[in-house]
Amino acid sequence: MTARLADIAAQAGVSEATVSRVLNGKPGVAAATRQSVLAALDVLGYERPVRLRQRSAGLVGLITPELDNPIFPALAQVIGQALTRQGYTPVLATQTPGGSTEDELTEMLVERGVSGIIFVSGLHADTTADMTRYDQLRGQGVPYVLINGFSPKVQAPFVSPDDRAAMQLAVTHLAALGHARIGLAVGPKRFVPVLRKIEGFRLGMQARLGLAPDQCEELVQHSLYTLEGGQAAATALIDRGCTAVVCASDMMALGAIRAARQKGLHVPRDVSVVGFDDSPLIAFTDPPLTTIRQPVQAMGQAAVRALLEEIGGTPAPHSEFVFMPELVVRGSTASGPQGQRSAERPSSERRSAGDEDPTDG
């Protein structure tokens, strides 16, 4: 028992005496401190005493398309923790090929009396899908929030990363390294995040490299959001002369690295690769992946806040909360052909060139 008290005290950053007071339900402990001790119990895997167990304020459904892509478990963890802290019990419902559809999972959750539902990358992101299903859900009195993908036809809070800004960050980074032939590997065109990424890619290519939208057409390759999909897309883009590939997910980026290696090319010396998500463990790939980090923590917490406002009878704004992503530079990007040529020029030549045209940037 003493060892357990010491572990909990160390985890919570309080004294063993304080832990003992909380576990025994004694007064004189601040609410925040009490919560820290209870959180430490959960983190360390100890079961809470019966009198300290929080009665569930209700079930909240979380529907994800799959769990193979690490970004979805990461989002589920953030959302689940945020719901638990507010007294709700998260229920994870995952679609699988040949398994339950989003509509079937939604019906199952409604039948179980959930207080609300959070949809991650669901049919709301598909521009060809019938959005009346969400109107029907609202008609049943079930609040919901949607993550990744926006539709003006759905009156609900949306939470998204800024896909346009993400692609502009990637293109700016690669163009600064001297890459002039940059490809984009994305998913099927009918999805809102894909359309936004293409738009951001075109804006970046126009601003940094002077390419018109029609010149970007052959630099965009649609595929599946899988390692194999990334490999197929990158193979096509490398065959078109791309020295750098921006991918719509980290899984696709790993496929792009495989594609380059199968062609006998080195990443990043011959081909640079940028991912999207910054999934857990992606920093430990070979090479460590340069990627665009989705603000998972902020997005998950915002989705929970918006849903709890809806559940509490204060409807959240029926608009889109857009979160700025972040470029994380690691080892899968390096100087492109133009950058290499510039780096190989003698320093005296670079100085004389600068003397001739001091405005050359």
Protein backbone atom coordinates (compact mmCIF):
# COMPACT_ATOMS: atom_id res chain seq x y z
CA MET A 1 0.00 0.00 0.00
CA THR A 2 2.88 2.38 0.86
CA ALA A 3 4.50 1.67 -2.50
CA ARG A 4 1.22 2.37 -4.24
CA LEU A 5 0.77 5.67 -2.37
CA ALA A 6 4.29 6.72 -3.34
CA ASP A 7 3.67 5.91 -7.02
CA ILE A 8 0.40 7.84 -7.09
CA ALA A 9 1.89 10.79 -5.22
CA ALA A 10 4.82 10.97 -7.65
CA GLN A 11 2.52 10.79 -10.66
CA ALA A 12 0.15 13.46 -9.31
CA GLY A 13 2.92 15.69 -7.94
CA VAL A 14 1.48 15.77 -4.42
CA SER A 15 2.35 14.30 -1.03
CA GLU A 16 1.43 10.77 0.08
CA ALA A 17 -0.68 12.31 2.81
CA THR A 18 -2.75 14.15 0.20
CA VAL A 19 -3.22 10.94 -1.79
CA SER A 20 -4.39 9.20 1.38
CA ARG A 21 -6.94 11.97 2.10
CA VAL A 22 -8.35 11.70 -1.44
CA LEU A 23 -8.56 7.89 -1.36
CA ASN A 24 -10.31 7.98 2.00
CA GLY A 25 -12.74 10.68 0.90
CA LYS A 26 -11.60 13.19 3.54
CA PRO A 27 -12.20 16.94 3.13
CA GLY A 28 -9.54 19.64 2.90
CA VAL A 29 -8.26 18.85 -0.59
CA ALA A 30 -8.68 21.32 -3.45
CA ALA A 31 -10.84 20.10 -6.36
CA ALA A 32 -7.97 20.42 -8.85
CA THR A 33 -5.66 18.43 -6.58
CA ARG A 34 -8.30 15.76 -6.06
CA GLN A 35 -8.70 15.50 -9.84
CA SER A 36 -4.93 15.14 -10.28
CA VAL A 37 -4.85 12.23 -7.85
CA LEU A 38 -7.77 10.50 -9.59
CA ALA A 39 -6.08 11.02 -12.96
CA ALA A 40 -2.87 9.50 -11.55
CA LEU A 41 -4.85 6.44 -10.44
CA ASP A 42 -6.17 6.03 -13.98
CA VAL A 43 -2.78 6.54 -15.64
CA LEU A 44 -1.08 3.99 -13.38
CA GLY A 45 -3.84 1.45 -13.91
CA TYR A 46 -5.17 1.36 -10.34
CA GLU A 47 -8.88 0.86 -9.87
CA ARG A 48 -10.66 3.74 -8.19
CA PRO A 49 -12.36 3.02 -4.86
CA VAL A 50 -16.08 2.54 -5.42
CA ARG A 51 -17.03 5.76 -3.63
CA LEU A 52 -14.72 7.75 -5.96
CA ARG A 53 -15.99 6.35 -9.23
CA GLN A 54 -17.68 8.98 -11.31
CA ARG A 55 -21.18 8.11 -12.41
CA SER A 56 -21.40 8.27 -16.17
CA ALA A 57 -23.16 11.35 -17.46
CA GLY A 58 -24.04 9.32 -20.54
CA LEU A 59 -22.60 7.61 -23.58
CA VAL A 60 -21.06 9.50 -26.50
CA GLY A 61 -20.46 7.71 -29.79
CA LEU A 62 -17.29 8.20 -31.80
CA ILE A 63 -17.44 6.88 -35.38
CA THR A 64 -14.16 6.52 -37.29
CA PRO A 65 -13.61 5.12 -40.80
CA GLU A 66 -10.86 2.68 -39.70
CA LEU A 67 -8.00 2.32 -37.25
CA ASP A 68 -5.19 1.23 -39.61
CA ASN A 69 -4.14 4.84 -40.11
CA PRO A 70 -2.51 5.90 -36.79
CA ILE A 71 -4.10 9.35 -36.94
CA PHE A 72 -7.53 7.90 -36.13
CA PRO A 73 -6.49 6.12 -32.91
CA ALA A 74 -4.66 9.32 -31.93
CA LEU A 75 -7.84 11.37 -32.39
CA ALA A 76 -9.91 8.73 -30.62
CA GLN A 77 -7.58 8.84 -27.62
CA VAL A 78 -7.76 12.63 -27.30
CA ILE A 79 -11.55 12.66 -27.69
CA GLY A 80 -12.02 9.72 -25.32
CA GLN A 81 -9.90 11.35 -22.61
CA ALA A 82 -11.70 14.69 -22.96
CA LEU A 83 -15.10 12.99 -22.71
CA THR A 84 -14.05 10.92 -19.68
CA ARG A 85 -12.84 14.04 -17.87
CA GLN A 86 -16.33 15.49 -18.31
CA GLY A 87 -17.98 12.36 -16.96
CA TYR A 88 -19.07 10.84 -20.27
CA THR A 89 -18.33 7.33 -21.46
CA PRO A 90 -16.95 7.18 -25.03
CA VAL A 91 -18.14 4.37 -27.30
CA LEU A 92 -15.81 3.78 -30.26
CA ALA A 93 -17.52 2.48 -33.42
CA THR A 94 -15.22 1.68 -36.34
CA GLN A 95 -16.11 0.98 -39.93
CA THR A 96 -14.30 -1.92 -41.57
CA PRO A 97 -14.36 -3.15 -45.19
CA GLY A 98 -17.32 -5.46 -45.52
CA GLY A 99 -18.49 -4.59 -42.01
CA SER A 100 -20.93 -2.07 -40.60
CA THR A 101 -21.57 1.14 -42.52
CA GLU A 102 -21.65 4.60 -40.98
CA ASP A 103 -25.46 4.57 -41.10
CA GLU A 104 -25.62 1.18 -39.36
CA LEU A 105 -23.20 2.28 -36.64
CA THR A 106 -25.17 5.49 -36.15
CA GLU A 107 -28.42 3.54 -35.78
CA MET A 108 -26.78 1.20 -33.26
CA LEU A 109 -25.52 4.11 -31.17
CA VAL A 110 -28.91 5.89 -31.26
CA GLU A 111 -30.64 2.69 -30.14
CA ARG A 112 -28.31 2.58 -27.15
CA GLY A 113 -29.35 6.07 -26.14
CA VAL A 114 -26.11 7.98 -26.71
CA SER A 115 -26.10 11.62 -25.65
CA GLY A 116 -24.31 12.63 -28.86
CA ILE A 117 -22.05 11.46 -31.68
CA ILE A 118 -18.72 12.65 -33.09
CA PHE A 119 -18.07 11.67 -36.71
CA VAL A 120 -14.46 11.55 -37.92
CA SER A 121 -13.83 11.68 -41.70
CA GLY A 122 -17.30 10.32 -42.39
CA LEU A 123 -19.76 10.66 -45.24
CA HIS A 124 -19.99 14.37 -44.46
CA ALA A 125 -16.59 14.68 -46.19
CA ASP A 126 -17.88 13.02 -49.38
CA THR A 127 -19.28 15.57 -51.83
CA THR A 128 -21.34 12.83 -53.54
CA ALA A 129 -23.03 11.56 -50.35
CA ASP A 130 -26.64 12.30 -49.37
CA MET A 131 -26.51 14.73 -46.44
CA THR A 132 -30.14 14.24 -45.42
CA ARG A 133 -28.97 11.43 -43.09
CA TYR A 134 -27.61 14.11 -40.76
CA ASP A 135 -30.87 16.07 -40.87
CA GLN A 136 -32.68 12.90 -39.85
CA LEU A 137 -30.27 12.39 -36.96
CA ARG A 138 -30.91 15.92 -35.74
CA GLY A 139 -34.63 15.26 -36.06
CA GLN A 140 -34.16 12.37 -33.62
CA GLY A 141 -32.76 14.84 -31.10
CA VAL A 142 -29.17 13.54 -31.22
CA PRO A 143 -26.50 16.29 -31.19
CA TYR A 144 -23.38 15.67 -33.26
CA VAL A 145 -20.08 17.21 -34.37
CA LEU A 146 -18.16 16.43 -37.56
CA ILE A 147 -14.36 16.29 -37.94
CA ASN A 148 -12.48 16.58 -41.27
CA GLY A 149 -14.73 17.58 -44.13
CA PHE A 150 -17.29 20.34 -44.50
CA SER A 151 -20.73 20.58 -46.12
CA PRO A 152 -22.85 23.74 -46.16
CA LYS A 153 -25.88 21.43 -46.30
CA VAL A 154 -25.29 20.16 -42.75
CA GLN A 155 -26.25 22.42 -39.86
CA ALA A 156 -23.71 21.32 -37.26
CA PRO A 157 -20.30 22.30 -35.86
CA PHE A 158 -17.36 21.18 -38.02
CA VAL A 159 -13.73 20.82 -36.91
CA SER A 160 -10.99 20.70 -39.56
CA PRO A 161 -7.29 21.29 -40.10
CA ASP A 162 -6.49 24.01 -42.65
CA ASP A 163 -5.76 21.72 -45.62
CA ARG A 164 -5.03 24.62 -47.97
CA ALA A 165 -2.47 26.15 -45.63
CA ALA A 166 -0.92 22.71 -45.06
CA MET A 167 -0.14 22.25 -48.73
CA GLN A 168 1.22 25.78 -49.04
CA LEU A 169 3.57 25.06 -46.13
CA ALA A 170 4.82 21.91 -47.85
CA VAL A 171 5.30 23.56 -51.25
CA THR A 172 7.07 26.56 -49.70
CA HIS A 173 9.46 24.23 -47.87
CA LEU A 174 10.28 22.18 -50.96
CA ALA A 175 10.58 25.18 -53.27
CA ALA A 176 13.03 26.77 -50.81
CA LEU A 177 15.13 23.59 -51.10
CA GLY A 178 15.31 24.06 -54.88
CA HIS A 179 12.62 21.65 -56.05
CA ALA A 180 10.79 22.92 -59.15
CA ARG A 181 8.96 19.71 -60.03
CA ILE A 182 6.79 18.90 -57.00
CA GLY A 183 4.03 16.27 -57.09
CA LEU A 184 0.95 15.83 -54.90
CA ALA A 185 -0.34 12.36 -53.94
CA VAL A 186 -3.91 12.56 -52.63
CA GLY A 187 -7.01 10.45 -52.12
CA PRO A 188 -10.17 10.29 -54.29
CA LYS A 189 -11.28 13.63 -55.70
CA ARG A 190 -14.81 13.52 -54.24
CA PHE A 191 -13.63 14.24 -50.69
CA VAL A 192 -13.59 17.79 -49.34
CA PRO A 193 -10.12 17.55 -47.69
CA VAL A 194 -8.70 16.34 -51.03
CA LEU A 195 -10.24 19.23 -52.96
CA ARG A 196 -8.88 21.68 -50.39
CA LYS A 197 -5.40 20.16 -50.50
CA ILE A 198 -5.36 20.45 -54.30
CA GLU A 199 -6.44 24.08 -54.04
CA GLY A 200 -3.69 24.83 -51.52
CA PHE A 201 -1.13 22.97 -53.63
CA ARG A 202 -2.03 25.03 -56.70
CA LEU A 203 -1.86 28.28 -54.74
CA GLY A 204 1.56 27.32 -53.38
CA MET A 205 2.90 26.28 -56.78
CA GLN A 206 1.67 29.53 -58.32
CA ALA A 207 3.09 31.72 -55.55
CA ARG A 208 6.46 29.93 -55.25
CA LEU A 209 7.12 28.59 -58.75
CA GLY A 210 4.85 30.65 -61.00
CA LEU A 211 2.85 27.66 -62.26
CA ALA A 212 -0.68 28.22 -63.55
CA PRO A 213 -3.46 25.89 -62.28
CA ASP A 214 -3.58 23.94 -65.57
CA GLN A 215 0.18 23.34 -65.33
CA CYS A 216 -0.39 21.62 -61.98
CA GLU A 217 -2.82 19.04 -63.41
CA GLU A 218 -0.20 16.41 -64.24
CA LEU A 219 1.48 17.00 -60.88
CA VAL A 220 -1.58 15.76 -58.95
CA GLN A 221 -2.10 12.00 -58.64
CA HIS A 222 -5.19 10.50 -56.99
CA SER A 223 -4.92 7.18 -55.17
CA LEU A 224 -5.97 5.46 -51.94
CA TYR A 225 -5.06 6.61 -48.42
CA THR A 226 -2.84 3.58 -47.89
CA LEU A 227 0.82 2.66 -48.11
CA GLU A 228 0.13 0.89 -51.42
CA GLY A 229 -1.85 3.90 -52.65
CA GLY A 230 1.03 6.22 -51.84
CA GLN A 231 3.45 3.89 -53.59
CA ALA A 232 1.34 3.81 -56.77
CA ALA A 233 0.85 7.59 -56.80
CA ALA A 234 4.51 8.37 -56.13
CA THR A 235 5.64 5.93 -58.85
CA ALA A 236 3.52 7.82 -61.37
CA LEU A 237 4.76 11.23 -60.16
CA ILE A 238 8.44 10.22 -60.17
CA ASP A 239 7.96 8.88 -63.72
CA ARG A 240 6.74 12.38 -64.64
CA GLY A 241 9.98 13.89 -63.40
CA CYS A 242 9.00 14.96 -59.87
CA THR A 243 11.92 15.34 -57.47
CA ALA A 244 9.63 15.84 -54.50
CA VAL A 245 6.27 14.36 -53.50
CA VAL A 246 3.79 15.80 -51.00
CA CYS A 247 1.43 13.13 -49.64
CA ALA A 248 -2.02 13.49 -48.11
CA SER A 249 -1.20 11.12 -45.25
CA ASP A 250 1.84 9.68 -43.52
CA MET A 251 0.86 6.20 -44.68
CA MET A 252 0.93 7.38 -48.29
CA ALA A 253 4.31 9.01 -47.62
CA LEU A 254 5.76 5.70 -46.43
CA GLY A 255 4.52 4.22 -49.71
CA ALA A 256 6.20 7.06 -51.62
CA ILE A 257 9.52 6.28 -49.94
CA ARG A 258 9.11 2.64 -50.93
CA ALA A 259 8.36 3.69 -54.53
CA ALA A 260 11.54 5.76 -54.72
CA ARG A 261 13.66 2.95 -53.33
CA GLN A 262 12.20 0.42 -55.77
CA LYS A 263 13.42 2.71 -58.55
CA GLY A 264 16.90 2.72 -57.05
CA LEU A 265 16.51 6.29 -55.79
CA HIS A 266 17.59 7.60 -52.42
CA VAL A 267 15.32 9.55 -50.06
CA PRO A 268 16.02 12.42 -49.61
CA ARG A 269 19.09 12.76 -51.88
CA ASP A 270 17.18 11.96 -55.10
CA VAL A 271 13.56 12.37 -54.04
CA SER A 272 12.13 14.36 -51.12
CA VAL A 273 8.93 13.20 -49.44
CA VAL A 274 6.51 15.12 -47.19
CA GLY A 275 3.70 13.43 -45.26
CA PHE A 276 0.56 14.71 -43.57
CA ASP A 277 -0.69 13.99 -40.02
CA ASP A 278 2.50 13.50 -37.95
CA SER A 279 1.14 10.18 -36.74
CA PRO A 280 2.61 8.57 -33.61
CA LEU A 281 5.99 6.88 -34.26
CA ILE A 282 6.38 8.58 -37.67
CA ALA A 283 9.48 10.39 -36.37
CA PHE A 284 11.21 7.01 -36.08
CA THR A 285 10.84 5.84 -39.68
CA ASP A 286 13.82 5.53 -42.03
CA PRO A 287 14.39 8.31 -42.82
CA PRO A 288 12.43 10.23 -40.15
CA LEU A 289 9.51 11.74 -42.05
CA THR A 290 9.12 15.44 -42.75
CA THR A 291 5.39 15.98 -42.38
CA ILE A 292 2.55 18.39 -41.73
CA ARG A 293 1.34 17.97 -38.16
CA GLN A 294 -2.41 17.93 -37.65
CA PRO A 295 -3.31 19.74 -34.40
CA VAL A 296 -4.95 16.57 -33.06
CA GLN A 297 -5.08 17.68 -29.41
CA ALA A 298 -6.72 21.02 -30.15
CA MET A 299 -9.12 19.57 -32.72
CA GLY A 300 -10.24 16.71 -30.47
CA GLN A 301 -10.81 18.98 -27.51
CA ALA A 302 -12.71 21.52 -29.63
CA ALA A 303 -14.97 18.77 -30.97
CA VAL A 304 -15.79 17.61 -27.44
CA ARG A 305 -16.45 21.16 -26.23
CA ALA A 306 -18.79 21.84 -29.15
CA LEU A 307 -20.66 18.58 -28.60
CA LEU A 308 -21.07 19.12 -24.85
CA GLU A 309 -22.46 22.60 -25.54
CA GLU A 310 -25.01 21.01 -27.85
CA ILE A 311 -25.85 18.33 -25.28
CA GLY A 312 -26.16 21.00 -22.60
CA GLY A 313 -28.78 22.87 -24.61
CA THR A 314 -26.51 25.68 -25.80
CA PRO A 315 -26.07 25.00 -29.52
CA ALA A 316 -22.52 25.55 -30.75
CA PRO A 317 -22.13 27.78 -33.82
CA HIS A 318 -23.12 25.90 -36.98
CA SER A 319 -19.85 26.77 -38.63
CA GLU A 320 -16.38 25.36 -39.17
CA PHE A 321 -13.58 25.60 -36.61
CA VAL A 322 -10.36 25.54 -38.68
CA PHE A 323 -7.03 24.74 -37.01
CA MET A 324 -3.63 25.71 -38.39
CA PRO A 325 -1.28 22.78 -39.06
CA GLU A 326 2.49 22.87 -38.53
CA LEU A 327 5.41 21.84 -40.75
CA VAL A 328 7.74 19.41 -38.96
CA VAL A 329 11.04 19.12 -40.83
CA ARG A 330 12.94 15.85 -40.40
CA GLY A 331 15.10 13.68 -42.62
CA SER A 332 12.97 12.89 -45.69
CA THR A 333 13.49 16.25 -47.43
CA ALA A 334 16.71 17.77 -48.79
CA SER A 335 17.96 20.06 -51.54
CA GLY A 336 16.52 19.41 -54.96
CA PRO A 337 18.38 19.65 -58.29
CA GLN A 338 18.29 23.46 -58.33
CA GLY A 339 19.28 23.67 -54.69
CA GLN A 340 22.14 21.24 -55.25
CA ARG A 341 23.44 23.22 -58.21
CA SER A 342 23.32 26.39 -56.15
CA ALA A 343 25.16 24.72 -53.28
CA GLU A 344 27.81 23.32 -55.63
CA ARG A 345 28.71 26.73 -57.12
CA PRO A 346 32.04 28.14 -55.85
CA SER A 347 31.61 30.73 -53.13
CA SER A 348 33.44 33.32 -55.24
CA GLU A 349 30.97 32.74 -58.09
CA ARG A 350 28.04 33.16 -55.74
CA ARG A 351 29.52 36.39 -54.42
CA SER A 352 30.16 37.83 -57.88
CA ALA A 353 26.65 36.90 -58.97
CA GLY A 354 25.30 38.70 -55.94
CA ASP A 355 27.46 41.75 -56.71
CA GLU A 356 26.07 41.94 -60.25
CA ASP A 357 22.44 41.89 -59.08
CA PRO A 358 22.00 42.68 -55.40
CA THR A 359 18.21 42.41 -55.75
CA ASP A 360 18.37 38.80 -56.95
CA GLY A 361 16.63 36.77 -54.26
